[in-house]
Amino acid sequence: MDTLHTVIRTISTETKSRRDHLSVFREFLAHLDRIKREAPAASPRRKAAPIKRRTGK
């Protein structure tokens, strides 16, 4: 959590006030939500074709 706090603090423009861990974590989650919304939707995966088996002699 301390590392997360440090990373968010370096990204953030505000460095004068000291914020608690909960607000930093909420900001981190907000960043993840924003990234998720901006990411293109993944195309649905196609099913693999069934394996053709050889018949034995």
Protein backbone atom coordinates (compact mmCIF):
# COMPACT_ATOMS: atom_id res chain seq x y z
CA MET A 1 0.00 0.00 0.00
CA ASP A 2 2.90 2.35 0.70
CA THR A 3 4.28 1.75 -2.78
CA LEU A 4 0.88 2.44 -4.31
CA HIS A 5 0.68 5.65 -2.30
CA THR A 6 4.10 6.74 -3.57
CA VAL A 7 3.27 5.98 -7.20
CA ILE A 8 -0.04 7.82 -7.11
CA ARG A 9 1.62 10.76 -5.38
CA THR A 10 4.24 11.04 -8.13
CA ILE A 11 1.57 10.87 -10.83
CA SER A 12 -0.68 13.36 -9.12
CA THR A 13 -0.03 17.08 -9.50
CA GLU A 14 -0.86 17.82 -5.88
CA THR A 15 2.10 17.10 -3.61
CA LYS A 16 1.60 19.57 -0.76
CA SER A 17 -1.06 17.77 1.24
CA ARG A 18 -0.65 14.30 2.65
CA ARG A 19 -3.54 11.97 1.89
CA ASP A 20 -4.56 8.81 3.67
CA HIS A 21 -4.26 5.36 2.11
CA LEU A 22 -7.98 5.01 1.50
CA SER A 23 -8.22 8.10 -0.69
CA VAL A 24 -5.13 7.01 -2.64
CA PHE A 25 -6.63 3.57 -3.20
CA ARG A 26 -9.92 5.10 -4.37
CA GLU A 27 -8.02 7.29 -6.82
CA PHE A 28 -6.16 4.21 -8.07
CA LEU A 29 -9.47 2.42 -8.66
CA ALA A 30 -10.79 5.47 -10.50
CA HIS A 31 -7.75 5.35 -12.79
CA LEU A 32 -8.38 1.66 -13.50
CA ASP A 33 -12.04 2.36 -14.30
CA ARG A 34 -11.06 5.13 -16.69
CA ILE A 35 -8.53 2.90 -18.46
CA LYS A 36 -11.09 0.12 -18.72
CA ARG A 37 -13.65 2.45 -20.32
CA GLU A 38 -11.12 3.82 -22.80
CA ALA A 39 -9.84 0.38 -23.85
CA PRO A 40 -11.34 -1.04 -27.04
CA ALA A 41 -13.78 -3.87 -26.54
CA ALA A 42 -12.21 -7.27 -27.06
CA SER A 43 -13.55 -9.23 -29.96
CA PRO A 44 -15.27 -12.48 -29.00
CA ARG A 45 -13.05 -15.52 -29.22
CA ARG A 46 -13.78 -18.00 -31.94
CA LYS A 47 -14.15 -21.62 -31.00
CA ALA A 48 -11.41 -23.87 -32.27
CA ALA A 49 -12.33 -26.27 -35.03
CA PRO A 50 -12.80 -29.84 -33.83
CA ILE A 51 -9.77 -32.06 -34.24
CA LYS A 52 -10.10 -34.48 -37.16
CA ARG A 53 -9.00 -37.90 -36.04
CA ARG A 54 -7.62 -40.49 -38.37
CA THR A 55 -9.21 -43.88 -38.43
CA GLY A 56 -6.82 -46.72 -37.74
CA LYS A 57 -6.12 -49.50 -40.28
